[in-house]
Amino acid sequence: MIKAPSIVLTTESTTKFSAENRLCGVIARIQAGEVNAAVWLSLPNEKTVTSIVTLETLGKLELREGTPAQAIFTGSTVILARI
């Protein structure tokens, strides 16, 4: 489990980040609020990752449903749980 605010979204596959974990997928859903938006990234294994981004970031990255994107996060933000 990773808290949604700890996930950074990017549409650039060649950009280098210090974060060592990267999940590639397609934006499946966007729910915009007054300041932030929740963005659901659909992964190839039928799982989803949700990120919280500002509306400014949503516009700058031109995030739309169907857009390929990557969820990037550091290992220190991962919470392990036994289900």
C-alpha atoms as a PDB file:
ATOM      1  CA  MET A   1       0.000   0.000   0.000  1.00  0.00           C
ATOM      2  CA  ILE A   2       1.212   3.494  -0.827  1.00  0.00           C
ATOM      3  CA  LYS A   3      -0.532   6.673   0.280  1.00  0.00           C
ATOM      4  CA  ALA A   4      -1.916   8.473  -2.791  1.00  0.00           C
ATOM      5  CA  PRO A   5      -0.167  11.814  -2.031  1.00  0.00           C
ATOM      6  CA  SER A   6       3.197   9.965  -2.105  1.00  0.00           C
ATOM      7  CA  ILE A   7       2.763   8.948  -5.741  1.00  0.00           C
ATOM      8  CA  VAL A   8       4.100  11.245  -8.455  1.00  0.00           C
ATOM      9  CA  LEU A   9       2.576  10.973 -11.928  1.00  0.00           C
ATOM     10  CA  THR A  10       4.447  11.645 -15.148  1.00  0.00           C
ATOM     11  CA  THR A  11       3.778  11.200 -18.839  1.00  0.00           C
ATOM     12  CA  GLU A  12       7.494  11.323 -19.688  1.00  0.00           C
ATOM     13  CA  SER A  13       9.012   7.854 -19.975  1.00  0.00           C
ATOM     14  CA  THR A  14      12.550   9.156 -20.497  1.00  0.00           C
ATOM     15  CA  THR A  15      12.677  11.509 -17.496  1.00  0.00           C
ATOM     16  CA  LYS A  16      15.063  10.434 -14.741  1.00  0.00           C
ATOM     17  CA  PHE A  17      13.846  10.474 -11.141  1.00  0.00           C
ATOM     18  CA  SER A  18      15.566   9.669  -7.878  1.00  0.00           C
ATOM     19  CA  ALA A  19      12.592   7.457  -6.960  1.00  0.00           C
ATOM     20  CA  GLU A  20      13.404   3.855  -7.756  1.00  0.00           C
ATOM     21  CA  ASN A  21       9.889   2.458  -8.268  1.00  0.00           C
ATOM     22  CA  ARG A  22       7.864   3.003 -11.416  1.00  0.00           C
ATOM     23  CA  LEU A  23       4.512   1.510 -12.503  1.00  0.00           C
ATOM     24  CA  CYS A  24       3.338   2.099 -16.076  1.00  0.00           C
ATOM     25  CA  GLY A  25      -0.304   2.261 -17.067  1.00  0.00           C
ATOM     26  CA  VAL A  26      -3.117   4.317 -18.553  1.00  0.00           C
ATOM     27  CA  ILE A  27      -5.228   6.932 -16.790  1.00  0.00           C
ATOM     28  CA  ALA A  28      -8.606   5.313 -16.186  1.00  0.00           C
ATOM     29  CA  ARG A  29     -10.431   7.957 -14.163  1.00  0.00           C
ATOM     30  CA  ILE A  30     -10.034  11.512 -12.885  1.00  0.00           C
ATOM     31  CA  GLN A  31     -12.089  13.019 -10.079  1.00  0.00           C
ATOM     32  CA  ALA A  32     -11.418  16.739  -9.726  1.00  0.00           C
ATOM     33  CA  GLY A  33     -12.095  18.683  -6.552  1.00  0.00           C
ATOM     34  CA  GLU A  34     -11.684  22.384  -5.810  1.00  0.00           C
ATOM     35  CA  VAL A  35      -7.887  22.258  -5.426  1.00  0.00           C
ATOM     36  CA  ASN A  36      -6.742  18.671  -6.094  1.00  0.00           C
ATOM     37  CA  ALA A  37      -7.708  15.758  -8.292  1.00  0.00           C
ATOM     38  CA  ALA A  38      -7.617  12.015  -7.678  1.00  0.00           C
ATOM     39  CA  VAL A  39      -6.185  10.211 -10.699  1.00  0.00           C
ATOM     40  CA  TRP A  40      -6.610   6.449 -11.131  1.00  0.00           C
ATOM     41  CA  LEU A  41      -3.913   4.714 -13.174  1.00  0.00           C
ATOM     42  CA  SER A  42      -4.927   1.345 -14.624  1.00  0.00           C
ATOM     43  CA  LEU A  43      -2.042  -1.136 -14.637  1.00  0.00           C
ATOM     44  CA  PRO A  44      -1.586  -4.109 -17.012  1.00  0.00           C
ATOM     45  CA  ASN A  45      -2.327  -6.647 -14.242  1.00  0.00           C
ATOM     46  CA  GLU A  46      -5.876  -5.275 -13.770  1.00  0.00           C
ATOM     47  CA  LYS A  47      -4.780  -3.373 -10.649  1.00  0.00           C
ATOM     48  CA  THR A  48      -5.038   0.370 -10.117  1.00  0.00           C
ATOM     49  CA  VAL A  49      -2.915   3.011  -8.442  1.00  0.00           C
ATOM     50  CA  THR A  50      -4.405   6.311  -7.284  1.00  0.00           C
ATOM     51  CA  SER A  51      -2.476   9.555  -7.064  1.00  0.00           C
ATOM     52  CA  ILE A  52      -3.497  12.960  -5.724  1.00  0.00           C
ATOM     53  CA  VAL A  53      -2.313  15.892  -7.864  1.00  0.00           C
ATOM     54  CA  THR A  54      -3.106  19.590  -7.899  1.00  0.00           C
ATOM     55  CA  LEU A  55      -5.424  20.914 -10.586  1.00  0.00           C
ATOM     56  CA  GLU A  56      -2.460  22.957 -11.829  1.00  0.00           C
ATOM     57  CA  THR A  57      -0.448  19.748 -12.354  1.00  0.00           C
ATOM     58  CA  LEU A  58      -3.440  18.099 -14.014  1.00  0.00           C
ATOM     59  CA  GLY A  59      -3.449  20.903 -16.590  1.00  0.00           C
ATOM     60  CA  LYS A  60       0.340  21.143 -17.029  1.00  0.00           C
ATOM     61  CA  LEU A  61       0.679  17.410 -17.722  1.00  0.00           C
ATOM     62  CA  GLU A  62      -2.498  17.453 -19.847  1.00  0.00           C
ATOM     63  CA  LEU A  63      -3.737  14.390 -17.971  1.00  0.00           C
ATOM     64  CA  ARG A  64      -6.883  12.899 -19.493  1.00  0.00           C
ATOM     65  CA  GLU A  65      -8.550   9.501 -19.347  1.00  0.00           C
ATOM     66  CA  GLY A  66      -6.746   7.188 -21.769  1.00  0.00           C
ATOM     67  CA  THR A  67      -3.398   9.010 -21.439  1.00  0.00           C
ATOM     68  CA  PRO A  68      -0.387   6.717 -20.843  1.00  0.00           C
ATOM     69  CA  ALA A  69       1.341   7.657 -17.581  1.00  0.00           C
ATOM     70  CA  GLN A  70       3.679   6.370 -14.904  1.00  0.00           C
ATOM     71  CA  ALA A  71       3.288   6.282 -11.135  1.00  0.00           C
ATOM     72  CA  ILE A  72       6.604   6.939  -9.395  1.00  0.00           C
ATOM     73  CA  PHE A  73       7.304   6.466  -5.697  1.00  0.00           C
ATOM     74  CA  THR A  74      10.154   5.774  -3.294  1.00  0.00           C
ATOM     75  CA  GLY A  75      10.523   2.540  -1.386  1.00  0.00           C
ATOM     76  CA  SER A  76      10.250   4.375   1.931  1.00  0.00           C
ATOM     77  CA  THR A  77       6.614   5.291   1.157  1.00  0.00           C
ATOM     78  CA  VAL A  78       5.484   1.669   0.762  1.00  0.00           C
ATOM     79  CA  ILE A  79       3.454   0.120   3.592  1.00  0.00           C
ATOM     80  CA  LEU A  80       3.320  -3.671   3.674  1.00  0.00           C
ATOM     81  CA  ALA A  81       0.148  -5.390   4.804  1.00  0.00           C
ATOM     82  CA  ARG A  82      -0.890  -9.020   5.036  1.00  0.00           C
ATOM     83  CA  ILE A  83      -4.332  -9.533   3.556  1.00  0.00           C
END
